[in-house]
Amino acid sequence: MSDSTTQDSANNSLEVNVEMDIRDSHFIYTQTVNSSKKTLDYDYKRCNGCGICIDVCPANAIEAGPLFEIATGMDAPPVIIDQTKCTFCGMCASFCPVRAIRMDIDGQDILDNADFSKLDSKVVINEKCLPCMLCEKACPQEAIKLELTFPTKEEVAPFKEGQKGEIAVDMDKCNFCGMCAHLCPAFVLVEQEPTPDNPVPFQDLLIDLDKCDYCRICEDFCPEDAIKVEGKLEAPVPKISGTVTIDDEKCSRCGWCKAVCPYEAVDIVKPFEGEIELIENRLADCDPVGCHGCFNVCPAHAWYVPSDKKIDVKKDYCIYCGACEKACHVYAIDVKRSDVQHTEVRDLPWSSQWKNAINAVKTGDRSRPDTKRRIEMELVGPVRPEVHEIDLRERHEHLDEIRSRLDNLMPMLCDAKTRYEWERHNSGSVIKRINRIDKMNGNGLSF
């Protein structure tokens, strides 16, 4: 699909061409202005229907799809972009919290261009990081990659058969960091599914005594001093080392990693600040198991069913995108945003529109420019040409001429195009055609 317009100003020619293409789950919109090209890439499978793009769009070019149905399983785009209205300003791409919309100008992502303000959220692993296994295993987006670089027990002290001793783990001290299990195969971590009210990915630590030779390396190695061994230390104790990498494309800034980290090693700046509340008097019709809409759209995986309530949300994980509110068919969720973390809005000609967009993220109320270019014009009625009246009672000789002229005009008067013009009050063009037919037939009179 494509739309083209051409503007001429003096000797300068401006050609604008807009095209839309679909590739897998991506709607690709392209605007070409002379030699410059802007590309808007909307991945509807990544979109959760939060509606922030609708709020910030200055051209009112984005509208919501059937969000209730999509949240419960319908395969359809949560938002629809009208390429005939889109100005390719990039605001939707700059403020999309799940990065479902991207835009580049001549191949450069606008998020890499300081002239475009954008969400300024981030997750940073600070110097307190051990590292350990907890954040990687707990992350619901699989956005964290742990790489441990210290040697294993087999590398520093190969297993010795027939050794005697005792070993015990103080589970009150153990925080399930998992370092002992990576060091030595004698330690076995029992995994569990993390939940919003308990993000710890392990429920127990067991010891396989058949694989333990009581070398005592684990005792000195444990960062929590939770392991006690009766044996003989005959090898150097490795130092815990490694790196934690966060995939920014996958990370939703939910905060599960921060919640599960026992060392306060995670710093998070969320994209929005706000509040989320459940409207209790509407929860009677809520069916969290059958519907699951809020669960399905939440990028933070913050919703859960507790033992003492029908449904609940872990507010510490919420990023206040508002997708759950849009997805709830019983209108039992209220999300309010009070602030937006964004980069500087530069002092450029369009800066006021970016400030309006940021305000719209907080309020949902978008101040849009007048793009109608409306010109007030005085309505003037049609000018009717002078009509020559004929007194047929006194001039019977004109009857044959009138009948002949009417016969010549009947095909035109029966024409659908003529009737359409006449009904639209375009009588002037119809009269001109009548006069032209009269002239072709040699008649001297005109209407």
Protein backbone atom coordinates (compact mmCIF):
# COMPACT_ATOMS: atom_id res chain seq x y z
CA MET A 1 0.00 0.00 0.00
CA SER A 2 1.32 3.43 -0.84
CA ASP A 3 0.27 7.08 -0.81
CA SER A 4 2.06 9.84 -2.68
CA THR A 5 1.88 13.63 -2.62
CA THR A 6 3.87 16.27 -4.45
CA GLN A 7 4.36 19.87 -3.33
CA ASP A 8 5.88 22.65 -5.42
CA SER A 9 7.26 25.83 -3.88
CA ALA A 10 8.94 28.21 -6.31
CA ASN A 11 11.57 26.05 -8.04
CA ASN A 12 11.80 23.47 -5.23
CA SER A 13 9.92 20.20 -5.62
CA LEU A 14 9.02 18.02 -2.63
CA GLU A 15 7.89 14.47 -3.29
CA VAL A 16 6.45 12.50 -0.36
CA ASN A 17 5.76 8.79 -0.69
CA VAL A 18 4.36 6.59 2.10
CA GLU A 19 4.27 2.80 1.85
CA MET A 20 3.16 -0.01 4.15
CA ASP A 21 4.37 -3.61 4.07
CA ILE A 22 3.82 -6.65 6.32
CA ARG A 23 6.65 -9.03 7.16
CA ASP A 24 5.78 -11.80 9.61
CA SER A 25 4.61 -9.96 12.76
CA HIS A 26 6.03 -6.62 11.61
CA PHE A 27 4.07 -3.78 10.02
CA ILE A 28 6.67 -1.71 8.14
CA TYR A 29 5.74 1.90 7.32
CA THR A 30 8.11 3.87 5.10
CA GLN A 31 8.05 7.58 4.33
CA THR A 32 10.35 8.81 1.57
CA VAL A 33 10.80 12.57 1.16
CA ASN A 34 13.05 13.18 -1.83
CA SER A 35 16.28 11.39 -0.81
CA SER A 36 15.46 11.01 2.93
CA LYS A 37 13.82 7.84 4.23
CA LYS A 38 12.05 7.17 7.53
CA THR A 39 11.04 3.65 8.52
CA LEU A 40 8.55 2.83 11.28
CA ASP A 41 8.61 -0.82 12.36
CA TYR A 42 5.67 -2.04 14.47
CA ASP A 43 6.00 -5.57 15.86
CA TYR A 44 2.48 -6.45 16.94
CA LYS A 45 3.59 -9.68 18.64
CA ARG A 46 5.79 -7.64 20.98
CA CYS A 47 3.08 -5.04 21.65
CA ASN A 48 1.06 -5.51 24.85
CA GLY A 49 -1.61 -2.91 24.08
CA CYS A 50 -0.66 -0.42 26.81
CA GLY A 51 -1.87 2.45 24.59
CA ILE A 52 0.93 4.90 25.39
CA CYS A 53 1.57 5.35 21.67
CA ILE A 54 -2.07 6.37 21.25
CA ASP A 55 -1.70 8.95 24.01
CA VAL A 56 1.46 10.56 22.63
CA CYS A 57 0.63 10.60 18.90
CA PRO A 58 0.23 14.25 17.79
CA ALA A 59 -1.61 13.30 14.59
CA ASN A 60 -4.19 10.98 16.14
CA ALA A 61 -2.91 8.31 13.74
CA ILE A 62 -3.03 5.34 16.14
CA GLU A 63 -6.10 3.62 17.51
CA ALA A 64 -6.65 0.60 19.74
CA GLY A 65 -7.65 -2.81 18.46
CA PRO A 66 -9.97 -5.26 20.27
CA LEU A 67 -7.83 -5.34 23.42
CA PHE A 68 -10.12 -7.52 25.57
CA GLU A 69 -10.10 -10.27 22.96
CA ILE A 70 -6.38 -9.92 22.20
CA ALA A 71 -5.48 -10.17 25.89
CA THR A 72 -7.30 -13.49 26.13
CA GLY A 73 -5.80 -15.05 23.02
CA MET A 74 -6.95 -13.42 19.78
CA ASP A 75 -4.09 -13.05 17.28
CA ALA A 76 -4.43 -9.45 16.13
CA PRO A 77 -2.52 -6.15 16.36
CA PRO A 78 -3.29 -4.37 19.66
CA VAL A 79 -3.00 -1.01 17.89
CA ILE A 80 -3.59 0.12 14.31
CA ILE A 81 -1.46 2.81 12.66
CA ASP A 82 -3.05 4.91 9.90
CA GLN A 83 -0.20 5.68 7.50
CA THR A 84 -2.25 8.41 5.82
CA LYS A 85 -2.24 10.39 9.09
CA CYS A 86 1.18 9.41 10.48
CA THR A 87 3.76 12.22 10.38
CA PHE A 88 6.69 9.92 11.26
CA CYS A 89 7.59 12.13 14.21
CA GLY A 90 8.91 9.14 16.18
CA MET A 91 7.13 9.84 19.47
CA CYS A 92 5.49 6.41 19.57
CA ALA A 93 8.87 4.73 19.13
CA SER A 94 10.55 6.93 21.72
CA PHE A 95 8.03 6.23 24.49
CA CYS A 96 7.08 2.59 23.86
CA PRO A 97 8.00 0.78 27.11
CA VAL A 98 8.20 -2.66 25.46
CA ARG A 99 10.02 -1.48 22.31
CA ALA A 100 7.29 -2.78 19.99
CA ILE A 101 7.68 0.30 17.76
CA ARG A 102 11.02 1.30 16.27
CA MET A 103 11.88 4.11 13.92
CA ASP A 104 15.01 4.94 11.99
CA ILE A 105 15.95 7.84 9.74
CA ASP A 106 18.19 6.88 6.84
CA GLY A 107 19.20 3.73 8.72
CA GLN A 108 19.91 5.37 12.11
CA ASP A 109 17.72 4.37 15.07
CA ILE A 110 16.19 7.51 16.56
CA LEU A 111 16.95 6.15 20.05
CA ASP A 112 20.61 6.79 19.18
CA ASN A 113 19.84 10.39 18.18
CA ALA A 114 19.99 12.91 21.04
CA ASP A 115 17.56 15.21 19.20
CA PHE A 116 14.80 12.73 20.05
CA SER A 117 13.81 12.51 23.70
CA LYS A 118 13.20 8.94 24.89
CA LEU A 119 12.46 6.86 27.97
CA ASP A 120 15.49 6.87 30.26
CA SER A 121 15.06 3.62 32.17
CA LYS A 122 17.85 1.20 32.97
CA VAL A 123 19.09 -1.69 35.08
CA VAL A 124 22.64 -1.54 36.44
CA ILE A 125 24.57 -4.27 38.23
CA ASN A 126 26.69 -2.44 40.81
CA GLU A 127 29.96 -3.29 42.55
CA LYS A 128 28.21 -5.30 45.30
CA CYS A 129 27.52 -8.15 42.89
CA LEU A 130 29.07 -11.46 44.02
CA PRO A 131 28.05 -12.69 41.34
CA CYS A 132 25.54 -15.51 41.95
CA MET A 133 22.87 -17.53 40.15
CA LEU A 134 19.74 -15.98 41.61
CA CYS A 135 19.01 -13.11 39.22
CA GLU A 136 19.59 -15.21 36.10
CA LYS A 137 17.25 -17.96 37.27
CA ALA A 138 14.58 -15.57 38.59
CA CYS A 139 14.34 -13.26 35.56
CA PRO A 140 10.94 -13.89 33.87
CA GLN A 141 12.19 -12.39 30.59
CA GLU A 142 15.37 -14.50 30.41
CA ALA A 143 17.22 -11.22 30.00
CA ILE A 144 20.15 -11.98 32.32
CA LYS A 145 23.20 -13.98 31.35
CA LEU A 146 25.62 -15.20 34.04
CA GLU A 147 29.13 -16.29 33.19
CA LEU A 148 31.17 -17.68 36.08
CA THR A 149 34.93 -17.73 35.57
CA PHE A 150 36.32 -19.42 38.70
CA PRO A 151 37.66 -23.00 38.51
CA THR A 152 35.57 -25.94 39.72
CA LYS A 153 36.51 -28.26 42.55
CA GLU A 154 37.63 -30.97 40.11
CA GLU A 155 40.06 -28.53 38.55
CA VAL A 156 41.74 -27.55 41.84
CA ALA A 157 41.29 -30.77 43.85
CA PRO A 158 40.23 -33.91 41.94
CA PHE A 159 37.85 -36.23 43.79
CA LYS A 160 39.44 -38.75 46.20
CA GLU A 161 37.68 -42.01 46.92
CA GLY A 162 37.17 -43.34 50.44
CA GLN A 163 37.64 -40.08 52.37
CA LYS A 164 35.95 -39.80 55.76
CA GLY A 165 34.38 -36.75 57.33
CA GLU A 166 31.17 -34.81 57.96
CA ILE A 167 29.44 -31.96 56.15
CA ALA A 168 26.40 -29.81 57.02
CA VAL A 169 24.65 -26.76 55.60
CA ASP A 170 23.05 -24.15 57.85
CA MET A 171 19.89 -23.38 55.85
CA ASP A 172 19.20 -20.32 57.99
CA LYS A 173 22.36 -18.78 56.57
CA CYS A 174 22.12 -20.17 53.03
CA ASN A 175 20.62 -17.70 50.53
CA PHE A 176 20.64 -20.11 47.55
CA CYS A 177 23.33 -18.14 45.74
CA GLY A 178 24.26 -21.41 44.01
CA MET A 179 28.01 -20.94 44.08
CA CYS A 180 28.64 -24.22 45.90
CA ALA A 181 26.62 -26.12 43.28
CA HIS A 182 28.69 -24.60 40.50
CA LEU A 183 31.90 -25.36 42.38
CA CYS A 184 31.21 -28.96 43.30
CA PRO A 185 28.81 -31.65 41.94
CA ALA A 186 28.16 -32.85 45.50
CA PHE A 187 25.78 -29.91 45.98
CA VAL A 188 22.35 -30.18 44.34
CA LEU A 189 20.00 -27.20 44.15
CA VAL A 190 16.30 -28.11 44.07
CA GLU A 191 14.60 -25.68 41.70
CA GLN A 192 11.13 -24.19 42.00
CA GLU A 193 9.07 -21.89 39.80
CA PRO A 194 9.59 -18.27 40.89
CA THR A 195 6.39 -16.35 41.64
CA PRO A 196 5.77 -12.65 42.29
CA ASP A 197 5.36 -13.27 46.02
CA ASN A 198 8.41 -15.58 46.13
CA PRO A 199 10.93 -14.90 43.34
CA VAL A 200 13.60 -17.26 44.73
CA PRO A 201 14.19 -19.95 42.05
CA PHE A 202 15.38 -22.64 44.50
CA GLN A 203 13.63 -24.31 47.43
CA ASP A 204 16.36 -26.50 48.91
CA LEU A 205 20.05 -27.41 48.82
CA LEU A 206 20.93 -31.10 49.05
CA ILE A 207 24.27 -32.88 49.40
CA ASP A 208 25.16 -36.03 47.48
CA LEU A 209 27.53 -37.67 49.97
CA ASP A 210 28.74 -40.14 47.35
CA LYS A 211 30.35 -37.23 45.51
CA CYS A 212 31.83 -35.49 48.56
CA ASP A 213 35.41 -36.15 49.68
CA TYR A 214 35.30 -33.58 52.52
CA CYS A 215 38.01 -31.43 50.96
CA ARG A 216 36.76 -28.36 52.89
CA ILE A 217 37.09 -26.08 49.86
CA CYS A 218 33.36 -25.33 49.96
CA GLU A 219 33.54 -24.28 53.62
CA ASP A 220 35.96 -21.44 52.95
CA PHE A 221 34.40 -20.76 49.55
CA CYS A 222 30.81 -20.14 50.77
CA PRO A 223 30.15 -16.37 50.90
CA GLU A 224 27.57 -16.82 53.68
CA ASP A 225 29.65 -19.10 55.93
CA ALA A 226 26.76 -21.57 55.75
CA ILE A 227 28.79 -24.77 55.17
CA LYS A 228 30.72 -26.66 57.84
CA VAL A 229 33.02 -29.58 56.97
CA GLU A 230 35.12 -31.91 59.07
CA GLY A 231 38.04 -32.83 56.85
CA LYS A 232 41.43 -31.72 55.63
CA LEU A 233 42.00 -28.71 53.36
CA GLU A 234 44.64 -29.68 50.83
CA ALA A 235 44.03 -27.24 47.93
CA PRO A 236 43.75 -23.48 47.39
CA VAL A 237 40.25 -22.03 47.62
CA PRO A 238 39.07 -20.34 44.40
CA LYS A 239 37.74 -16.81 44.51
CA ILE A 240 34.24 -16.22 43.19
CA SER A 241 34.42 -14.35 39.89
CA GLY A 242 32.26 -13.82 36.85
CA THR A 243 30.13 -11.36 34.92
CA VAL A 244 26.42 -10.61 34.73
CA THR A 245 25.12 -9.24 31.42
CA ILE A 246 21.64 -7.81 30.86
CA ASP A 247 20.03 -7.99 27.42
CA ASP A 248 18.39 -4.58 27.09
CA GLU A 249 16.14 -5.85 24.29
CA LYS A 250 14.52 -8.36 26.64
CA CYS A 251 14.64 -6.50 29.97
CA SER A 252 11.29 -5.00 31.05
CA ARG A 253 12.64 -3.17 34.16
CA CYS A 254 10.31 -5.30 36.28
CA GLY A 255 12.66 -5.59 39.26
CA TRP A 256 12.53 -9.34 39.88
CA CYS A 257 16.35 -9.35 39.87
CA LYS A 258 16.46 -6.57 42.46
CA ALA A 259 13.93 -8.38 44.67
CA VAL A 260 15.79 -11.69 44.63
CA CYS A 261 19.33 -10.30 45.00
CA PRO A 262 20.67 -10.86 48.55
CA TYR A 263 23.52 -8.39 48.06
CA GLU A 264 21.65 -5.23 46.95
CA ALA A 265 23.65 -5.36 43.74
CA VAL A 266 20.90 -4.25 41.35
CA ASP A 267 19.96 -0.61 40.69
CA ILE A 268 16.84 0.05 38.62
CA VAL A 269 15.37 3.18 37.09
CA LYS A 270 11.87 2.32 35.89
CA PRO A 271 10.36 4.16 32.91
CA PHE A 272 7.35 5.41 34.86
CA GLU A 273 6.34 6.17 38.41
CA GLY A 274 2.77 5.81 39.53
CA GLU A 275 0.16 3.73 41.32
CA ILE A 276 -1.84 0.62 40.54
CA GLU A 277 -4.98 -0.34 42.42
CA LEU A 278 -7.62 -3.04 42.27
CA ILE A 279 -11.22 -1.80 42.38
CA GLU A 280 -12.66 -4.19 44.94
CA ASN A 281 -16.35 -3.76 44.13
CA ARG A 282 -15.71 -4.91 40.55
CA LEU A 283 -13.73 -8.03 41.41
CA ALA A 284 -16.87 -10.13 41.86
CA ASP A 285 -16.93 -10.76 38.10
CA CYS A 286 -13.16 -11.30 37.86
CA ASP A 287 -12.10 -14.80 36.77
CA PRO A 288 -8.27 -14.76 36.87
CA VAL A 289 -7.94 -18.42 35.91
CA GLY A 290 -10.39 -18.41 33.02
CA CYS A 291 -9.61 -14.92 31.72
CA HIS A 292 -5.91 -14.46 32.49
CA GLY A 293 -5.93 -11.22 30.47
CA CYS A 294 -3.88 -9.14 32.92
CA PHE A 295 -1.38 -12.00 33.31
CA ASN A 296 -0.95 -12.29 29.54
CA VAL A 297 -0.23 -8.62 28.81
CA CYS A 298 1.90 -7.69 31.83
CA PRO A 299 5.56 -7.27 30.78
CA ALA A 300 6.63 -7.37 34.44
CA HIS A 301 4.86 -10.66 35.29
CA ALA A 302 3.49 -8.88 38.35
CA TRP A 303 0.08 -10.62 38.59
CA TYR A 304 -0.59 -13.71 40.68
CA VAL A 305 -3.32 -15.56 42.57
CA PRO A 306 -2.53 -15.58 46.32
CA SER A 307 -3.96 -18.09 48.76
CA ASP A 308 -6.15 -15.55 50.54
CA LYS A 309 -7.44 -13.41 47.64
CA LYS A 310 -8.95 -13.84 44.20
CA ILE A 311 -6.15 -11.94 42.46
CA ASP A 312 -3.34 -9.55 43.35
CA VAL A 313 -0.48 -7.59 41.80
CA LYS A 314 3.07 -7.18 43.10
CA LYS A 315 3.35 -3.41 42.99
CA ASP A 316 7.14 -3.46 43.33
CA TYR A 317 7.36 -5.13 39.91
CA CYS A 318 4.78 -2.98 38.09
CA ILE A 319 6.16 -0.56 35.47
CA TYR A 320 2.81 1.31 35.21
CA CYS A 321 2.45 0.78 31.46
CA GLY A 322 -1.32 0.38 31.88
CA ALA A 323 -1.73 -2.66 29.63
CA CYS A 324 -3.57 -4.62 32.34
CA GLU A 325 -6.08 -1.80 32.79
CA LYS A 326 -6.84 -1.85 29.05
CA ALA A 327 -7.13 -5.65 29.06
CA CYS A 328 -9.50 -5.99 32.03
CA HIS A 329 -13.03 -6.57 30.73
CA VAL A 330 -14.58 -5.96 34.17
CA TYR A 331 -12.72 -2.64 34.58
CA ALA A 332 -11.30 -3.68 37.95
CA ILE A 333 -7.80 -2.21 37.49
CA ASP A 334 -6.81 1.44 37.85
CA VAL A 335 -3.33 2.57 36.76
CA LYS A 336 -2.11 6.13 37.22
CA ARG A 337 1.25 7.48 36.08
CA SER A 338 2.73 10.40 38.01
CA ASP A 339 6.11 10.78 36.32
CA VAL A 340 8.10 9.76 33.25
CA GLN A 341 11.84 9.13 33.20
CA HIS A 342 13.09 10.60 29.94
CA THR A 343 16.13 12.14 28.35
CA GLU A 344 16.45 15.87 27.80
CA VAL A 345 13.98 17.58 25.49
CA ARG A 346 16.27 19.73 23.39
CA ASP A 347 15.40 23.31 22.50
CA LEU A 348 14.33 22.60 18.93
CA PRO A 349 11.40 23.89 16.86
CA TRP A 350 9.26 20.87 17.74
CA SER A 351 10.18 20.69 21.45
CA SER A 352 6.74 21.83 22.60
CA GLN A 353 5.17 18.80 20.94
CA TRP A 354 7.56 16.47 22.77
CA LYS A 355 6.71 18.14 26.07
CA ASN A 356 3.02 17.68 25.26
CA ALA A 357 3.70 14.00 24.56
CA ILE A 358 5.46 13.52 27.90
CA ASN A 359 2.56 15.20 29.68
CA ALA A 360 0.16 12.90 27.80
CA VAL A 361 1.98 9.84 29.14
CA LYS A 362 1.23 11.08 32.66
CA THR A 363 -2.32 12.31 32.09
CA GLY A 364 -3.60 10.47 29.02
CA ASP A 365 -4.72 13.86 27.69
CA ARG A 366 -2.91 14.86 24.49
CA SER A 367 -2.80 18.47 23.29
CA ARG A 368 -2.63 18.11 19.53
CA PRO A 369 -1.79 20.75 16.90
CA ASP A 370 -4.45 21.88 14.44
CA THR A 371 -3.51 20.09 11.23
CA LYS A 372 -6.77 20.70 9.38
CA ARG A 373 -5.57 23.89 7.65
CA ARG A 374 -9.20 25.00 7.66
CA ILE A 375 -10.09 28.19 5.78
CA GLU A 376 -13.43 29.81 6.51
CA MET A 377 -15.24 30.61 3.26
CA GLU A 378 -18.51 32.39 2.56
CA LEU A 379 -21.08 30.05 1.07
CA VAL A 380 -22.39 31.46 -2.21
CA GLY A 381 -25.35 29.89 -3.97
CA PRO A 382 -25.23 28.83 -7.63
CA VAL A 383 -25.54 31.58 -10.22
CA ARG A 384 -28.37 30.66 -12.53
CA PRO A 385 -28.18 31.81 -16.15
CA GLU A 386 -30.97 33.87 -17.65
CA VAL A 387 -33.80 31.72 -18.97
CA HIS A 388 -35.73 32.73 -22.07
CA GLU A 389 -39.40 32.03 -21.59
CA ILE A 390 -41.53 31.04 -24.59
CA ASP A 391 -45.27 31.64 -24.72
CA LEU A 392 -46.34 28.35 -26.29
CA ARG A 393 -49.95 29.44 -26.53
CA GLU A 394 -48.99 32.15 -28.98
CA ARG A 395 -46.03 30.45 -30.70
CA HIS A 396 -47.15 26.95 -31.61
CA GLU A 397 -44.43 26.81 -34.24
CA HIS A 398 -41.80 26.22 -31.48
CA LEU A 399 -43.42 23.02 -30.15
CA ASP A 400 -41.70 20.77 -32.68
CA GLU A 401 -38.38 22.43 -31.94
CA ILE A 402 -38.82 21.90 -28.20
CA ARG A 403 -39.72 18.23 -28.67
CA SER A 404 -36.68 17.75 -30.90
CA ARG A 405 -34.38 19.39 -28.39
CA LEU A 406 -35.77 17.31 -25.53
CA ASP A 407 -35.26 14.14 -27.58
CA ASN A 408 -31.61 15.14 -28.11
CA LEU A 409 -31.15 15.83 -24.39
CA MET A 410 -32.84 12.68 -23.03
CA PRO A 411 -29.72 10.41 -23.23
CA MET A 412 -27.76 12.97 -21.23
CA LEU A 413 -30.55 13.53 -18.69
CA CYS A 414 -30.81 9.75 -18.14
CA ASP A 415 -27.08 9.49 -17.57
CA ALA A 416 -26.13 8.58 -13.95
CA LYS A 417 -23.23 11.04 -13.92
CA THR A 418 -25.55 13.92 -14.89
CA ARG A 419 -28.06 13.03 -12.18
CA TYR A 420 -25.23 12.81 -9.63
CA GLU A 421 -23.98 16.30 -10.56
CA TRP A 422 -27.49 17.73 -10.50
CA GLU A 423 -28.24 16.23 -7.06
CA ARG A 424 -24.96 17.68 -5.76
CA HIS A 425 -26.09 21.16 -6.87
CA ASN A 426 -23.56 21.28 -9.71
CA SER A 427 -26.19 22.57 -12.11
CA GLY A 428 -23.75 24.87 -13.88
CA SER A 429 -21.81 22.02 -15.48
CA VAL A 430 -25.06 20.29 -16.51
CA ILE A 431 -26.35 23.45 -18.22
CA LYS A 432 -23.06 23.82 -20.08
CA ARG A 433 -23.45 20.29 -21.44
CA ILE A 434 -27.05 21.06 -22.50
CA ASN A 435 -25.88 24.15 -24.40
CA ARG A 436 -23.08 22.15 -26.02
CA ILE A 437 -25.56 19.51 -27.26
CA ASP A 438 -27.86 22.28 -28.55
CA LYS A 439 -25.02 23.85 -30.45
CA MET A 440 -24.04 20.51 -32.02
CA ASN A 441 -27.62 20.09 -33.24
CA GLY A 442 -27.77 23.60 -34.71
CA ASN A 443 -30.20 25.14 -32.27
CA GLY A 444 -29.92 28.84 -31.73
CA LEU A 445 -31.53 29.15 -28.33
CA SER A 446 -29.65 28.66 -25.07
CA PHE A 447 -30.69 27.88 -21.52
